[in-house]
Protein backbone atom coordinates (compact mmCIF):
# COMPACT_ATOMS: atom_id res chain seq x y z
CA SER A 1 17.42 51.33 -96.04
CA MET A 2 20.81 51.98 -94.76
CA ALA A 3 21.49 54.83 -97.31
CA SER A 4 18.79 56.70 -95.50
CA LYS A 5 20.71 56.47 -92.03
CA GLN A 6 22.51 59.46 -91.21
CA PRO A 7 26.61 58.94 -91.43
CA PHE A 8 28.34 58.55 -87.94
CA THR A 9 29.58 61.90 -86.98
CA ASP A 10 32.75 62.87 -84.69
CA SER A 11 30.43 63.57 -82.08
CA ASP A 12 28.58 60.39 -82.27
CA THR A 13 32.26 58.89 -81.66
CA ALA A 14 33.06 61.18 -79.12
CA ASP A 15 29.59 60.51 -77.08
CA GLU A 16 30.49 56.54 -77.72
CA ALA A 17 33.87 56.67 -76.38
CA VAL A 18 32.41 58.62 -73.24
CA ARG A 19 29.98 55.79 -73.01
CA ALA A 20 32.84 53.49 -72.84
CA THR A 21 34.04 55.21 -69.57
CA CYS A 22 31.15 53.84 -67.73
CA ASP A 23 32.26 50.50 -68.51
CA ASP A 24 36.00 51.51 -67.16
CA ALA A 25 34.60 52.56 -63.92
CA SER A 26 32.37 49.53 -63.13
CA THR A 27 34.90 47.03 -64.04
CA CYS A 28 37.68 48.79 -62.01
CA LYS A 29 35.28 48.81 -59.15
CA ARG A 30 34.22 45.16 -60.06
CA PHE A 31 38.30 44.26 -59.89
CA ALA A 32 39.06 46.56 -56.68
CA THR A 33 35.75 45.33 -54.96
CA SER A 34 36.90 41.61 -55.86
CA LYS A 35 40.23 42.09 -54.02
CA GLY A 36 38.46 43.25 -50.91
CA TYR A 37 39.15 47.05 -51.34
CA TRP A 38 35.65 47.84 -50.04
CA THR A 39 32.19 46.08 -50.21
CA ASP A 40 29.71 46.32 -52.79
CA LEU A 41 27.42 43.28 -53.03
CA TYR A 42 25.79 45.06 -56.13
CA VAL A 43 28.48 45.75 -58.68
CA GLN A 44 28.62 41.74 -59.92
CA TYR A 45 25.03 41.82 -61.55
CA PHE A 46 26.07 44.77 -63.52
CA VAL A 47 29.75 43.26 -64.31
CA ARG A 48 29.64 39.53 -64.56
CA GLN A 49 33.17 39.25 -65.00
CA ILE A 50 35.99 40.21 -62.73
CA GLY A 51 38.12 40.87 -65.71
CA GLU A 52 41.96 41.48 -66.26
CA ARG A 53 44.08 42.53 -63.06
CA LYS A 54 44.32 46.31 -62.42
CA ALA A 55 47.30 47.90 -60.93
CA PRO A 56 47.40 48.44 -57.66
CA GLU A 57 47.75 51.97 -57.92
CA ILE A 58 44.21 52.16 -59.87
CA ASN A 59 42.73 50.48 -57.40
CA ARG A 60 44.05 52.54 -54.44
CA GLY A 61 42.60 55.21 -56.28
CA TYR A 62 39.01 53.91 -57.03
CA TYR A 63 39.22 53.08 -53.37
CA GLY A 64 40.24 56.75 -52.45
CA ARG A 65 37.22 58.12 -54.99
CA VAL A 66 34.46 55.67 -53.82
CA ARG A 67 35.40 56.30 -50.02
CA GLY A 68 35.31 59.83 -50.57
CA MET A 69 32.40 60.29 -52.47
CA ASN A 70 30.65 58.00 -49.90
CA LEU A 71 31.43 60.37 -46.87
CA LEU A 72 30.03 63.34 -48.65
CA ILE A 73 26.91 61.53 -49.61
CA ASP A 74 26.33 59.94 -46.00
CA ALA A 75 27.11 63.30 -44.50
CA PHE A 76 24.42 64.94 -46.78
CA LEU A 77 21.90 62.20 -45.90
CA LYS A 78 22.64 62.68 -42.26
CA LYS A 79 22.09 66.32 -42.36
CA THR A 80 18.72 66.09 -43.72
CA GLN A 81 17.90 63.20 -41.91
CA CYS A 82 17.19 61.50 -45.53
CA ASP A 83 14.37 64.23 -46.05
CA CYS A 84 15.75 65.06 -49.29
CA GLN A 85 16.84 63.70 -52.94
CA VAL A 86 19.64 62.43 -54.85
CA VAL A 87 20.22 62.88 -58.31
CA ASN A 88 23.21 60.88 -59.81
CA LEU A 89 24.22 63.16 -62.99
CA GLY A 90 26.09 60.21 -65.58
CA ALA A 91 25.53 57.69 -63.07
CA GLY A 92 26.36 54.48 -65.52
CA LEU A 93 26.28 51.65 -63.62
CA ASP A 94 26.49 52.97 -60.08
CA THR A 95 25.34 50.92 -56.98
CA THR A 96 24.67 53.54 -54.67
CA PHE A 97 21.06 53.33 -54.53
CA TRP A 98 21.12 49.52 -53.10
CA ARG A 99 23.74 50.30 -50.82
CA LEU A 100 21.45 53.40 -48.97
CA LYS A 101 18.43 50.85 -49.05
CA ASP A 102 20.44 48.11 -47.32
CA GLU A 103 21.84 50.49 -44.64
CA ASN A 104 18.48 51.83 -44.53
CA VAL A 105 19.36 55.74 -45.17
CA MET A 106 17.59 55.94 -48.39
CA PRO A 107 16.54 59.75 -49.72
CA LYS A 108 12.71 60.26 -50.36
CA LYS A 109 13.78 59.39 -54.17
CA PHE A 110 16.90 58.55 -56.02
CA PHE A 111 17.34 59.96 -59.58
CA GLU A 112 19.68 58.77 -62.02
CA VAL A 113 20.56 60.03 -65.18
CA ASP A 114 22.69 58.99 -68.17
CA PHE A 115 22.94 58.45 -71.85
CA PRO A 116 19.62 56.54 -73.07
CA MET A 117 22.00 53.56 -74.30
CA ILE A 118 23.57 53.11 -70.72
CA VAL A 119 20.29 53.57 -69.29
CA ALA A 120 18.88 50.85 -71.79
CA ARG A 121 21.49 48.43 -70.58
CA LYS A 122 20.96 49.31 -66.50
CA ILE A 123 17.08 48.80 -67.11
CA HIS A 124 17.61 45.38 -68.49
CA HIS A 125 20.15 44.34 -65.83
CA ILE A 126 17.68 45.41 -63.10
CA LYS A 127 14.82 43.55 -64.93
CA THR A 128 16.36 40.71 -65.08
CA LYS A 129 18.45 40.27 -61.88
CA PRO A 130 15.82 39.91 -58.58
CA PRO A 131 18.69 41.04 -56.35
CA LEU A 132 18.78 44.53 -58.25
CA SER A 133 14.76 44.67 -58.79
CA LYS A 134 13.47 43.38 -55.41
CA PRO A 135 14.56 46.77 -53.39
CA LEU A 136 12.81 48.35 -56.20
CA ILE A 137 9.42 46.67 -55.96
CA GLU A 138 9.81 46.27 -51.92
CA THR A 139 10.04 50.17 -51.72
CA HIS A 140 7.15 50.64 -53.96
CA SER A 141 3.39 51.32 -53.63
CA THR A 142 1.74 49.39 -56.22
CA ASP A 143 2.31 46.29 -58.11
CA SER A 144 4.08 47.57 -61.33
CA LEU A 145 7.12 49.67 -61.98
CA ARG A 146 6.95 52.36 -64.51
CA LEU A 147 9.11 51.40 -67.48
CA ASP A 148 9.68 52.45 -71.01
CA GLY A 149 12.61 51.75 -73.30
CA HIS A 150 14.96 54.64 -71.54
CA SER A 151 13.20 55.12 -68.42
CA LEU A 152 12.51 53.23 -65.13
CA ASP A 153 10.36 54.97 -62.29
CA SER A 154 9.38 53.69 -58.87
CA ASP A 155 8.39 55.51 -55.77
CA ARG A 156 11.98 55.71 -54.53
CA TYR A 157 14.07 55.12 -57.51
CA CYS A 158 14.07 56.59 -60.90
CA ILE A 159 16.31 56.26 -63.87
CA ILE A 160 16.09 58.59 -66.83
CA GLY A 161 18.10 58.82 -70.38
CA ALA A 162 18.56 61.93 -71.21
CA ASP A 163 21.70 64.16 -72.46
CA LEU A 164 22.78 66.53 -69.83
CA ARG A 165 24.17 69.05 -72.55
CA ASP A 166 20.14 69.50 -73.12
CA LEU A 167 19.15 71.48 -69.80
CA PRO A 168 15.30 71.86 -71.19
CA ALA A 169 14.77 68.06 -72.00
CA LEU A 170 16.33 67.11 -68.76
CA GLU A 171 14.59 69.30 -66.61
CA GLU A 172 11.43 68.30 -68.42
CA LYS A 173 12.13 64.62 -67.46
CA LEU A 174 12.96 65.29 -64.04
CA LYS A 175 9.97 67.29 -63.57
CA LYS A 176 8.04 64.51 -65.50
CA PHE A 177 9.19 62.06 -62.58
CA GLN A 178 8.11 64.26 -59.75
CA ILE A 179 11.33 65.67 -58.31
CA ASN A 180 10.62 68.32 -55.87
CA PRO A 181 12.65 71.43 -56.08
CA GLU A 182 11.30 72.52 -52.34
CA LEU A 183 13.41 69.41 -51.05
CA PRO A 184 17.24 69.63 -50.15
CA THR A 185 18.82 68.11 -53.16
CA LEU A 186 22.40 66.29 -53.62
CA PHE A 187 23.90 66.46 -57.27
CA LEU A 188 26.53 63.85 -57.92
CA SER A 189 28.82 63.44 -60.83
CA GLU A 190 32.15 61.49 -61.12
CA CYS A 191 33.94 62.01 -64.08
CA VAL A 192 31.15 63.68 -66.02
CA LEU A 193 31.58 67.54 -66.44
CA VAL A 194 34.63 66.91 -67.74
CA TYR A 195 33.20 65.39 -71.03
CA MET A 196 31.12 68.89 -71.37
CA THR A 197 32.74 71.89 -72.50
CA PRO A 198 32.97 74.57 -69.69
CA GLU A 199 30.07 76.38 -71.05
CA GLN A 200 27.92 73.53 -70.76
CA SER A 201 28.60 72.50 -67.23
CA SER A 202 28.63 75.98 -66.00
CA LYS A 203 24.81 75.94 -67.37
CA LEU A 204 24.31 72.83 -65.72
CA VAL A 205 25.43 73.96 -62.33
CA ASN A 206 23.82 77.33 -62.91
CA TRP A 207 20.27 75.34 -63.33
CA VAL A 208 20.80 73.36 -60.26
CA ALA A 209 21.40 76.73 -58.19
CA ASP A 210 18.73 78.33 -59.99
CA THR A 211 15.93 75.71 -59.47
CA PHE A 212 16.97 74.37 -55.76
CA PRO A 213 17.16 76.55 -53.11
CA ALA A 214 18.65 73.82 -50.70
CA ALA A 215 21.38 72.16 -52.92
CA MET A 216 24.69 70.08 -52.26
CA PHE A 217 26.76 69.16 -55.64
CA ILE A 218 29.66 66.76 -55.06
CA ASN A 219 32.38 66.58 -58.26
CA TYR A 220 34.71 63.92 -58.93
CA GLU A 221 37.05 64.65 -61.85
CA GLN A 222 40.84 65.56 -63.12
CA VAL A 223 42.84 68.73 -61.93
CA ASN A 224 46.31 69.95 -62.06
CA MET A 225 46.25 68.88 -66.00
CA ASN A 226 48.42 71.67 -66.90
CA ASP A 227 51.65 69.48 -66.48
CA ARG A 228 53.46 66.65 -68.22
CA PHE A 229 51.51 64.00 -66.08
CA GLY A 230 48.18 65.76 -67.09
CA GLN A 231 49.20 66.00 -70.74
CA ILE A 232 50.00 62.30 -70.69
CA MET A 233 46.48 61.38 -69.30
CA ILE A 234 44.68 63.97 -71.87
CA GLU A 235 46.67 62.23 -74.44
CA ASN A 236 45.89 58.56 -73.35
CA LEU A 237 42.36 59.57 -73.37
CA LEU A 238 42.29 61.16 -77.02
CA ARG A 239 44.01 57.91 -78.51
CA ARG A 240 40.61 56.33 -77.28
CA GLN A 241 38.51 59.44 -79.22
CA CYS A 242 37.72 60.73 -75.62
CA ASN A 243 37.93 64.33 -75.79
CA LEU A 244 38.10 66.14 -72.42
CA ALA A 245 36.17 68.82 -73.62
CA GLY A 246 36.08 70.67 -70.02
CA VAL A 247 39.75 70.33 -69.29
CA ASP A 248 40.04 73.95 -69.08
CA VAL A 249 38.14 74.07 -65.49
CA CYS A 250 40.74 71.16 -64.45
CA GLN A 251 43.34 73.36 -64.10
CA SER A 252 43.58 73.73 -60.63
CA LEU A 253 41.45 73.33 -57.32
CA ASP A 254 40.77 77.13 -57.77
CA SER A 255 39.36 76.65 -61.11
CA GLN A 256 37.23 73.88 -60.21
CA LYS A 257 35.71 75.84 -57.34
CA GLU A 258 35.40 79.08 -59.38
CA ARG A 259 32.93 76.76 -61.74
CA PHE A 260 30.64 76.72 -58.64
CA LEU A 261 31.60 80.35 -57.28
CA SER A 262 30.65 81.84 -60.29
CA ALA A 263 27.09 80.11 -60.90
CA GLY A 264 25.55 81.12 -57.41
CA TRP A 265 27.04 78.56 -54.97
CA GLU A 266 27.41 80.09 -51.83
CA SER A 267 30.44 77.74 -50.10
CA VAL A 268 32.95 75.61 -52.22
CA ASN A 269 35.58 73.20 -51.14
CA ALA A 270 38.15 71.03 -53.04
CA LEU A 271 40.66 68.56 -52.09
CA ASP A 272 42.89 66.61 -54.32
CA MET A 273 42.73 63.05 -53.55
CA MET A 274 46.43 63.03 -52.29
CA THR A 275 44.62 65.40 -49.53
CA VAL A 276 41.36 63.27 -49.21
CA TYR A 277 43.29 59.41 -49.06
CA SER A 278 45.17 61.59 -46.29
CA VAL A 279 42.25 62.19 -44.27
CA LEU A 280 40.13 59.04 -44.79
CA PRO A 281 40.15 56.80 -41.91
CA GLN A 282 43.41 55.56 -41.71
CA GLU A 283 42.88 52.13 -40.12
CA ASP A 284 40.71 51.12 -43.00
CA VAL A 285 43.71 52.72 -45.16
CA ALA A 286 46.53 50.52 -43.81
CA ARG A 287 44.34 47.66 -44.28
CA ILE A 288 43.61 48.26 -47.87
CA GLU A 289 47.45 49.03 -48.15
CA ARG A 290 48.26 45.51 -47.38
CA LEU A 291 46.11 43.78 -49.84
CA GLU A 292 48.26 44.26 -52.48
CA PHE A 293 52.22 45.00 -52.59
CA LEU A 294 53.13 48.75 -54.18
CA ASP A 295 57.07 49.02 -53.99
CA GLU A 296 56.95 52.54 -55.36
CA ARG A 297 54.59 55.14 -54.15
CA GLU A 298 55.25 57.68 -57.03
CA LEU A 299 52.98 56.65 -59.45
CA LEU A 300 49.99 56.28 -56.71
CA GLN A 301 51.01 60.25 -55.82
CA GLN A 302 51.07 61.25 -59.49
CA LEU A 303 47.31 59.76 -60.13
CA LEU A 304 46.01 61.00 -56.61
CA GLN A 305 47.21 64.42 -57.04
CA HIS A 306 45.49 64.59 -60.60
CA TYR A 307 42.07 63.85 -58.84
CA CYS A 308 39.89 65.99 -57.01
CA ILE A 309 36.78 65.91 -55.31
CA CYS A 310 35.02 69.46 -55.22
CA TRP A 311 31.83 70.05 -53.41
CA ALA A 312 29.38 73.02 -53.21
CA VAL A 313 26.64 73.81 -50.96
CA LYS A 314 24.05 76.39 -51.30
CA ASP A 315 21.42 77.48 -48.89
CA LYS A 316 23.66 77.17 -45.71
CA LEU A 317 23.00 73.66 -45.72
CA SER A 318 25.99 73.95 -43.45
CA LEU A 319 27.68 70.99 -44.80
CA GLY A 320 31.25 73.06 -45.04
CA GLU A 321 34.44 71.65 -43.88
CA ALA A 322 32.70 69.56 -41.24
CA SER A 323 31.61 66.92 -43.53
CA ILE A 324 35.12 65.54 -44.54
């Protein structure tokens, strides 16, 4: 009966609001790719509608985010010659695995982790859409993919429903799906750690450092959140019940780096997106800047100054500065 159901707690509401950010990211990516900012052949299978127009600033911001992350991901794959694993934490409806398969640079195995509810939706898309399922089947040795409600496993791709705040459960599930701590492993997170408390995210990056002798971690999220613009961002998210529990780590590039340095990572870099945008291949930047008119660069600059990519390396995979 309904009466026996637990009342909906604040933390459920907060988690639900965080889950909604996954849709935001994929609808923004869907819109930007529809405008030609970059090519993603697979996002259309996760997000059908192109949806309402997004401001040019948002499109350029997502362009920088996707291009910046991809540069580092591709550098890692090149460095390890694909003899590695990738673990995307809070992956949402990300399409990176399919891109890497098309480009013939798949890691040994690609893991995705997200809330069980999001994973169930993603699995549904994969099961019902041949352009998504075929690449999994083609890279799989047996007839059937291993499937249950909240996980799908194949030889080269695995998606797991888990809460990143519950490390013992996360570890157990990754083990169950044959993660190999001996392989160089890349961890990715985009706007994920910011929704955990600093203590929870520190434990997570600590656990990665302790478990994987050769590892890289790439984190994309907010930075410089102390100023007026940062306050407005926080208020806008709070209005949607999104509490940035980890915002204290988003004070500066130094506080972003410190999370990794104090958890035993050997070399850590962080750049705000203004800087990333300026080091991306400039002829492509010129191309996308012609796609939509922007009469006023100030808002774009403020947006880019409030996000960053921080990457940390362990066991001197010597990916250092060279990679971006």
